């Protein structure tokens, strides 16, 4: 198992933080959905693709936003 290198993480995070974030607004949510669409086009179902885990992380962020902010279809009826 690799050890956690905080200095490396800070450097890497500063370059991707603008694109990987917890959405708090509908606009941020829509940005992530657009990013996920582009990732799906690039990665497809290739689990060994270098961006596959990023696609999964973005999907989880979107799912969490939807769970908190978008009513379920059963609740609308």
PDB file of N, CA and C in Angstrom:
ATOM      1  N   UNK A   1       0.845  -1.181   0.000  1.00  0.00           N
ATOM      2  CA  UNK A   1       0.000   0.000   0.000  1.00  0.00           C
ATOM      3  C   UNK A   1       0.893   1.248   0.000  1.00  0.00           C
ATOM      4  N   UNK A   2       0.528   2.219  -0.824  1.00  0.00           N
ATOM      5  CA  UNK A   2       1.294   3.457  -0.881  1.00  0.00           C
ATOM      6  C   UNK A   2       0.981   4.322   0.333  1.00  0.00           C
ATOM      7  N   UNK A   3       2.001   5.027   0.803  1.00  0.00           N
ATOM      8  CA  UNK A   3       1.762   5.946   1.907  1.00  0.00           C
ATOM      9  C   UNK A   3       1.223   7.261   1.350  1.00  0.00           C
ATOM     10  N   UNK A   4       0.516   7.964   2.169  1.00  0.00           N
ATOM     11  CA  UNK A   4      -0.103   9.233   1.790  1.00  0.00           C
ATOM     12  C   UNK A   4       0.950  10.325   1.812  1.00  0.00           C
ATOM     13  N   UNK A   5       1.154  10.996   0.693  1.00  0.00           N
ATOM     14  CA  UNK A   5       2.108  12.089   0.604  1.00  0.00           C
ATOM     15  C   UNK A   5       1.325  13.389   0.483  1.00  0.00           C
ATOM     16  N   UNK A   6       1.253  14.138   1.576  1.00  0.00           N
ATOM     17  CA  UNK A   6       0.445  15.351   1.612  1.00  0.00           C
ATOM     18  C   UNK A   6       0.939  16.396   0.623  1.00  0.00           C
ATOM     19  N   UNK A   7       2.239  16.580   0.498  1.00  0.00           N
ATOM     20  CA  UNK A   7       2.768  17.584  -0.427  1.00  0.00           C
ATOM     21  C   UNK A   7       2.396  17.257  -1.876  1.00  0.00           C
ATOM     22  N   UNK A   8       2.508  16.001  -2.254  1.00  0.00           N
ATOM     23  CA  UNK A   8       2.106  15.591  -3.603  1.00  0.00           C
ATOM     24  C   UNK A   8       0.613  15.801  -3.810  1.00  0.00           C
ATOM     25  N   UNK A   9      -0.166  15.486  -2.791  1.00  0.00           N
ATOM     26  CA  UNK A   9      -1.617  15.629  -2.876  1.00  0.00           C
ATOM     27  C   UNK A   9      -2.006  17.090  -3.036  1.00  0.00           C
ATOM     28  N   UNK A  10      -1.368  17.972  -2.301  1.00  0.00           N
ATOM     29  CA  UNK A  10      -1.660  19.409  -2.414  1.00  0.00           C
ATOM     30  C   UNK A  10      -1.369  19.891  -3.825  1.00  0.00           C
ATOM     31  N   UNK A  11      -0.251  19.497  -4.378  1.00  0.00           N
ATOM     32  CA  UNK A  11       0.117  19.903  -5.736  1.00  0.00           C
ATOM     33  C   UNK A  11      -0.884  19.367  -6.757  1.00  0.00           C
ATOM     34  N   UNK A  12      -1.222  18.095  -6.644  1.00  0.00           N
ATOM     35  CA  UNK A  12      -2.163  17.485  -7.590  1.00  0.00           C
ATOM     36  C   UNK A  12      -3.553  18.090  -7.435  1.00  0.00           C
ATOM     37  N   UNK A  13      -3.999  18.269  -6.196  1.00  0.00           N
ATOM     38  CA  UNK A  13      -5.355  18.770  -5.959  1.00  0.00           C
ATOM     39  C   UNK A  13      -5.536  20.173  -6.500  1.00  0.00           C
ATOM     40  N   UNK A  14      -4.521  21.019  -6.338  1.00  0.00           N
ATOM     41  CA  UNK A  14      -4.656  22.398  -6.810  1.00  0.00           C
ATOM     42  C   UNK A  14      -4.889  22.456  -8.317  1.00  0.00           C
ATOM     43  N   UNK A  15      -4.433  21.446  -9.032  1.00  0.00           N
ATOM     44  CA  UNK A  15      -4.637  21.454 -10.484  1.00  0.00           C
ATOM     45  C   UNK A  15      -5.987  20.860 -10.907  1.00  0.00           C
ATOM     46  N   UNK A  16      -6.676  20.131 -10.030  1.00  0.00           N
ATOM     47  CA  UNK A  16      -7.956  19.524 -10.417  1.00  0.00           C
ATOM     48  C   UNK A  16      -9.143  20.011  -9.593  1.00  0.00           C
ATOM     49  N   UNK A  17      -8.907  20.771  -8.540  1.00  0.00           N
ATOM     50  CA  UNK A  17      -9.989  21.187  -7.637  1.00  0.00           C
ATOM     51  C   UNK A  17     -11.095  21.959  -8.346  1.00  0.00           C
ATOM     52  N   UNK A  18     -10.762  22.656  -9.407  1.00  0.00           N
ATOM     53  CA  UNK A  18     -11.775  23.410 -10.156  1.00  0.00           C
ATOM     54  C   UNK A  18     -12.765  22.483 -10.856  1.00  0.00           C
ATOM     55  N   UNK A  19     -12.330  21.248 -11.119  1.00  0.00           N
ATOM     56  CA  UNK A  19     -13.169  20.305 -11.852  1.00  0.00           C
ATOM     57  C   UNK A  19     -13.765  19.197 -11.001  1.00  0.00           C
ATOM     58  N   UNK A  20     -13.212  18.943  -9.844  1.00  0.00           N
ATOM     59  CA  UNK A  20     -13.713  17.884  -8.963  1.00  0.00           C
ATOM     60  C   UNK A  20     -14.090  18.522  -7.639  1.00  0.00           C
ATOM     61  N   UNK A  21     -15.386  18.601  -7.377  1.00  0.00           N
ATOM     62  CA  UNK A  21     -15.867  19.316  -6.197  1.00  0.00           C
ATOM     63  C   UNK A  21     -17.234  18.780  -5.802  1.00  0.00           C
ATOM     64  N   UNK A  22     -17.621  19.051  -4.581  1.00  0.00           N
ATOM     65  CA  UNK A  22     -18.961  18.706  -4.111  1.00  0.00           C
ATOM     66  C   UNK A  22     -19.896  19.812  -4.598  1.00  0.00           C
ATOM     67  N   UNK A  23     -20.897  19.468  -5.400  1.00  0.00           N
ATOM     68  CA  UNK A  23     -21.801  20.507  -5.911  1.00  0.00           C
ATOM     69  C   UNK A  23     -22.764  20.986  -4.828  1.00  0.00           C
ATOM     70  N   UNK A  24     -22.920  22.320  -4.758  1.00  0.00           N
ATOM     71  CA  UNK A  24     -23.841  22.909  -3.784  1.00  0.00           C
ATOM     72  C   UNK A  24     -24.969  23.671  -4.462  1.00  0.00           C
ATOM     73  N   UNK A  25     -24.843  23.876  -5.774  1.00  0.00           N
ATOM     74  CA  UNK A  25     -25.865  24.602  -6.524  1.00  0.00           C
ATOM     75  C   UNK A  25     -26.242  23.787  -7.755  1.00  0.00           C
ATOM     76  N   UNK A  26     -27.361  24.151  -8.356  1.00  0.00           N
ATOM     77  CA  UNK A  26     -27.792  23.466  -9.572  1.00  0.00           C
ATOM     78  C   UNK A  26     -26.777  23.684 -10.700  1.00  0.00           C
ATOM     79  N   UNK A  27     -26.188  24.862 -10.746  1.00  0.00           N
ATOM     80  CA  UNK A  27     -25.177  25.149 -11.779  1.00  0.00           C
ATOM     81  C   UNK A  27     -23.959  24.231 -11.609  1.00  0.00           C
ATOM     82  N   UNK A  28     -23.498  24.059 -10.378  1.00  0.00           N
ATOM     83  CA  UNK A  28     -22.369  23.158 -10.135  1.00  0.00           C
ATOM     84  C   UNK A  28     -22.743  21.717 -10.471  1.00  0.00           C
ATOM     85  N   UNK A  29     -23.946  21.329 -10.097  1.00  0.00           N
ATOM     86  CA  UNK A  29     -24.450  19.993 -10.434  1.00  0.00           C
ATOM     87  C   UNK A  29     -24.430  19.787 -11.944  1.00  0.00           C
ATOM     88  N   UNK A  30     -24.928  20.766 -12.688  1.00  0.00           N
ATOM     89  CA  UNK A  30     -24.964  20.653 -14.146  1.00  0.00           C
ATOM     90  C   UNK A  30     -23.559  20.587 -14.743  1.00  0.00           C
ATOM     91  N   UNK A  31     -22.608  21.304 -14.153  1.00  0.00           N
ATOM     92  CA  UNK A  31     -21.214  21.213 -14.614  1.00  0.00           C
ATOM     93  C   UNK A  31     -20.694  19.796 -14.455  1.00  0.00           C
ATOM     94  N   UNK A  32     -20.976  19.180 -13.305  1.00  0.00           N
ATOM     95  CA  UNK A  32     -20.513  17.811 -13.076  1.00  0.00           C
ATOM     96  C   UNK A  32     -21.194  16.825 -14.013  1.00  0.00           C
ATOM     97  N   UNK A  33     -22.478  17.016 -14.275  1.00  0.00           N
ATOM     98  CA  UNK A  33     -23.197  16.136 -15.208  1.00  0.00           C
ATOM     99  C   UNK A  33     -22.560  16.235 -16.595  1.00  0.00           C
ATOM    100  N   UNK A  34     -22.232  17.447 -17.031  1.00  0.00           N
ATOM    101  CA  UNK A  34     -21.567  17.618 -18.319  1.00  0.00           C
ATOM    102  C   UNK A  34     -20.207  16.934 -18.352  1.00  0.00           C
ATOM    103  N   UNK A  35     -19.470  17.059 -17.251  1.00  0.00           N
ATOM    104  CA  UNK A  35     -18.165  16.410 -17.165  1.00  0.00           C
ATOM    105  C   UNK A  35     -18.321  14.899 -17.215  1.00  0.00           C
ATOM    106  N   UNK A  36     -19.319  14.367 -16.485  1.00  0.00           N
ATOM    107  CA  UNK A  36     -19.552  12.923 -16.494  1.00  0.00           C
ATOM    108  C   UNK A  36     -19.910  12.439 -17.900  1.00  0.00           C
ATOM    109  N   UNK A  37     -20.727  13.194 -18.613  1.00  0.00           N
ATOM    110  CA  UNK A  37     -21.078  12.826 -19.987  1.00  0.00           C
ATOM    111  C   UNK A  37     -19.825  12.716 -20.857  1.00  0.00           C
ATOM    112  N   UNK A  38     -18.911  13.683 -20.720  1.00  0.00           N
ATOM    113  CA  UNK A  38     -17.673  13.649 -21.506  1.00  0.00           C
ATOM    114  C   UNK A  38     -16.790  12.470 -21.099  1.00  0.00           C
ATOM    115  N   UNK A  39     -16.747  12.191 -19.791  1.00  0.00           N
ATOM    116  CA  UNK A  39     -15.965  11.050 -19.318  1.00  0.00           C
ATOM    117  C   UNK A  39     -16.532   9.731 -19.851  1.00  0.00           C
ATOM    118  N   UNK A  40     -17.857   9.608 -19.844  1.00  0.00           N
ATOM    119  CA  UNK A  40     -18.494   8.387 -20.358  1.00  0.00           C
ATOM    120  C   UNK A  40     -18.151   8.205 -21.835  1.00  0.00           C
ATOM    121  N   UNK A  41     -18.169   9.302 -22.598  1.00  0.00           N
ATOM    122  CA  UNK A  41     -17.802   9.226 -24.011  1.00  0.00           C
ATOM    123  C   UNK A  41     -16.366   8.737 -24.177  1.00  0.00           C
ATOM    124  N   UNK A  42     -15.476   9.178 -23.309  1.00  0.00           N
ATOM    125  CA  UNK A  42     -14.059   8.824 -23.403  1.00  0.00           C
ATOM    126  C   UNK A  42     -13.775   7.431 -22.845  1.00  0.00           C
ATOM    127  N   UNK A  43     -14.330   7.121 -21.672  1.00  0.00           N
ATOM    128  CA  UNK A  43     -13.994   5.893 -20.946  1.00  0.00           C
ATOM    129  C   UNK A  43     -14.853   4.718 -21.372  1.00  0.00           C
ATOM    130  N   UNK A  44     -16.140   4.995 -21.613  1.00  0.00           N
ATOM    131  CA  UNK A  44     -17.065   3.915 -21.921  1.00  0.00           C
ATOM    132  C   UNK A  44     -17.162   2.958 -20.739  1.00  0.00           C
ATOM    133  N   UNK A  45     -17.040   1.674 -21.002  1.00  0.00           N
ATOM    134  CA  UNK A  45     -17.119   0.664 -19.943  1.00  0.00           C
ATOM    135  C   UNK A  45     -15.753   0.052 -19.641  1.00  0.00           C
ATOM    136  N   UNK A  46     -14.703   0.727 -20.067  1.00  0.00           N
ATOM    137  CA  UNK A  46     -13.336   0.240 -19.862  1.00  0.00           C
ATOM    138  C   UNK A  46     -12.885   0.542 -18.432  1.00  0.00           C
ATOM    139  N   UNK A  47     -13.033  -0.434 -17.546  1.00  0.00           N
ATOM    140  CA  UNK A  47     -12.688  -0.247 -16.140  1.00  0.00           C
ATOM    141  C   UNK A  47     -11.192  -0.061 -15.916  1.00  0.00           C
ATOM    142  N   UNK A  48     -10.378  -0.380 -16.907  1.00  0.00           N
ATOM    143  CA  UNK A  48      -8.934  -0.195 -16.767  1.00  0.00           C
ATOM    144  C   UNK A  48      -8.462   1.154 -17.318  1.00  0.00           C
ATOM    145  N   UNK A  49      -9.391   1.938 -17.840  1.00  0.00           N
ATOM    146  CA  UNK A  49      -9.046   3.254 -18.378  1.00  0.00           C
ATOM    147  C   UNK A  49      -8.521   4.138 -17.244  1.00  0.00           C
ATOM    148  N   UNK A  50      -7.510   4.965 -17.513  1.00  0.00           N
ATOM    149  CA  UNK A  50      -6.943   5.825 -16.464  1.00  0.00           C
ATOM    150  C   UNK A  50      -7.953   6.782 -15.818  1.00  0.00           C
ATOM    151  N   UNK A  51      -9.030   7.102 -16.526  1.00  0.00           N
ATOM    152  CA  UNK A  51     -10.031   8.022 -15.975  1.00  0.00           C
ATOM    153  C   UNK A  51     -11.256   7.306 -15.411  1.00  0.00           C
ATOM    154  N   UNK A  52     -11.236   5.992 -15.368  1.00  0.00           N
ATOM    155  CA  UNK A  52     -12.401   5.239 -14.875  1.00  0.00           C
ATOM    156  C   UNK A  52     -12.725   5.581 -13.428  1.00  0.00           C
ATOM    157  N   UNK A  53     -11.728   5.706 -12.569  1.00  0.00           N
ATOM    158  CA  UNK A  53     -12.011   6.013 -11.160  1.00  0.00           C
ATOM    159  C   UNK A  53     -12.505   7.445 -11.004  1.00  0.00           C
ATOM    160  N   UNK A  54     -12.017   8.357 -11.843  1.00  0.00           N
ATOM    161  CA  UNK A  54     -12.535   9.734 -11.811  1.00  0.00           C
ATOM    162  C   UNK A  54     -14.004   9.741 -12.208  1.00  0.00           C
ATOM    163  N   UNK A  55     -14.346   8.968 -13.220  1.00  0.00           N
ATOM    164  CA  UNK A  55     -15.735   8.859 -13.652  1.00  0.00           C
ATOM    165  C   UNK A  55     -16.607   8.358 -12.497  1.00  0.00           C
ATOM    166  N   UNK A  56     -16.110   7.388 -11.755  1.00  0.00           N
ATOM    167  CA  UNK A  56     -16.849   6.845 -10.615  1.00  0.00           C
ATOM    168  C   UNK A  56     -17.023   7.898  -9.520  1.00  0.00           C
ATOM    169  N   UNK A  57     -15.974   8.649  -9.227  1.00  0.00           N
ATOM    170  CA  UNK A  57     -16.045   9.695  -8.197  1.00  0.00           C
ATOM    171  C   UNK A  57     -17.056  10.767  -8.592  1.00  0.00           C
ATOM    172  N   UNK A  58     -17.000  11.225  -9.837  1.00  0.00           N
ATOM    173  CA  UNK A  58     -17.953  12.242 -10.313  1.00  0.00           C
ATOM    174  C   UNK A  58     -19.372  11.693 -10.233  1.00  0.00           C
ATOM    175  N   UNK A  59     -19.560  10.434 -10.577  1.00  0.00           N
ATOM    176  CA  UNK A  59     -20.882   9.811 -10.485  1.00  0.00           C
ATOM    177  C   UNK A  59     -21.411   9.802  -9.058  1.00  0.00           C
ATOM    178  N   UNK A  60     -20.551   9.531  -8.092  1.00  0.00           N
ATOM    179  CA  UNK A  60     -20.960   9.526  -6.682  1.00  0.00           C
ATOM    180  C   UNK A  60     -21.321  10.935  -6.234  1.00  0.00           C
ATOM    181  N   UNK A  61     -20.544  11.926  -6.639  1.00  0.00           N
ATOM    182  CA  UNK A  61     -20.855  13.314  -6.278  1.00  0.00           C
ATOM    183  C   UNK A  61     -22.219  13.728  -6.838  1.00  0.00           C
ATOM    184  N   UNK A  62     -22.495  13.335  -8.074  1.00  0.00           N
ATOM    185  CA  UNK A  62     -23.787  13.641  -8.701  1.00  0.00           C
ATOM    186  C   UNK A  62     -24.914  12.914  -7.963  1.00  0.00           C
ATOM    187  N   UNK A  63     -24.710  11.646  -7.687  1.00  0.00           N
ATOM    188  CA  UNK A  63     -25.730  10.857  -6.992  1.00  0.00           C
ATOM    189  C   UNK A  63     -26.049  11.448  -5.618  1.00  0.00           C
ATOM    190  N   UNK A  64     -25.037  11.871  -4.888  1.00  0.00           N
ATOM    191  CA  UNK A  64     -25.265  12.472  -3.569  1.00  0.00           C
ATOM    192  C   UNK A  64     -26.072  13.763  -3.687  1.00  0.00           C
ATOM    193  N   UNK A  65     -25.755  14.589  -4.677  1.00  0.00           N
ATOM    194  CA  UNK A  65     -26.506  15.825  -4.887  1.00  0.00           C
ATOM    195  C   UNK A  65     -27.970  15.504  -5.200  1.00  0.00           C
ATOM    196  N   UNK A  66     -28.179  14.545  -6.095  1.00  0.00           N
ATOM    197  CA  UNK A  66     -29.543  14.177  -6.473  1.00  0.00           C
ATOM    198  C   UNK A  66     -30.330  13.655  -5.274  1.00  0.00           C
ATOM    199  N   UNK A  67     -29.689  12.866  -4.440  1.00  0.00           N
ATOM    200  CA  UNK A  67     -30.354  12.321  -3.254  1.00  0.00           C
ATOM    201  C   UNK A  67     -30.805  13.440  -2.320  1.00  0.00           C
ATOM    202  N   UNK A  68     -29.983  14.465  -2.184  1.00  0.00           N
ATOM    203  CA  UNK A  68     -30.300  15.560  -1.263  1.00  0.00           C
ATOM    204  C   UNK A  68     -31.220  16.622  -1.855  1.00  0.00           C
ATOM    205  N   UNK A  69     -31.168  16.850  -3.173  1.00  0.00           N
ATOM    206  CA  UNK A  69     -31.841  18.006  -3.748  1.00  0.00           C
ATOM    207  C   UNK A  69     -32.922  17.734  -4.781  1.00  0.00           C
ATOM    208  N   UNK A  70     -32.997  16.521  -5.289  1.00  0.00           N
ATOM    209  CA  UNK A  70     -33.982  16.223  -6.332  1.00  0.00           C
ATOM    210  C   UNK A  70     -34.987  15.241  -5.792  1.00  0.00           C
ATOM    211  N   UNK A  71     -36.263  15.640  -5.720  1.00  0.00           N
ATOM    212  CA  UNK A  71     -37.267  14.733  -5.176  1.00  0.00           C
ATOM    213  C   UNK A  71     -37.437  13.480  -6.040  1.00  0.00           C
ATOM    214  N   UNK A  72     -37.708  12.382  -5.391  1.00  0.00           N
ATOM    215  CA  UNK A  72     -37.943  11.124  -6.096  1.00  0.00           C
ATOM    216  C   UNK A  72     -39.259  11.200  -6.852  1.00  0.00           C
ATOM    217  N   UNK A  73     -39.382  10.449  -7.931  1.00  0.00           N
ATOM    218  CA  UNK A  73     -40.600  10.472  -8.734  1.00  0.00           C
ATOM    219  C   UNK A  73     -41.821  10.092  -7.900  1.00  0.00           C
ATOM    220  N   UNK A  74     -41.667   9.130  -6.986  1.00  0.00           N
ATOM    221  CA  UNK A  74     -42.816   8.733  -6.166  1.00  0.00           C
ATOM    222  C   UNK A  74     -43.300   9.890  -5.298  1.00  0.00           C
ATOM    223  N   UNK A  75     -42.378  10.753  -4.860  1.00  0.00           N
ATOM    224  CA  UNK A  75     -42.751  11.857  -3.989  1.00  0.00           C
ATOM    225  C   UNK A  75     -43.453  12.956  -4.754  1.00  0.00           C
ATOM    226  N   UNK A  76     -43.187  13.063  -6.059  1.00  0.00           N
ATOM    227  CA  UNK A  76     -43.795  14.110  -6.872  1.00  0.00           C
ATOM    228  C   UNK A  76     -45.273  13.814  -7.094  1.00  0.00           C
ATOM    229  N   UNK A  77     -45.631  12.555  -7.264  1.00  0.00           N
ATOM    230  CA  UNK A  77     -47.005  12.155  -7.581  1.00  0.00           C
ATOM    231  C   UNK A  77     -47.904  12.309  -6.416  1.00  0.00           C
TER     232      UNK A  77
END
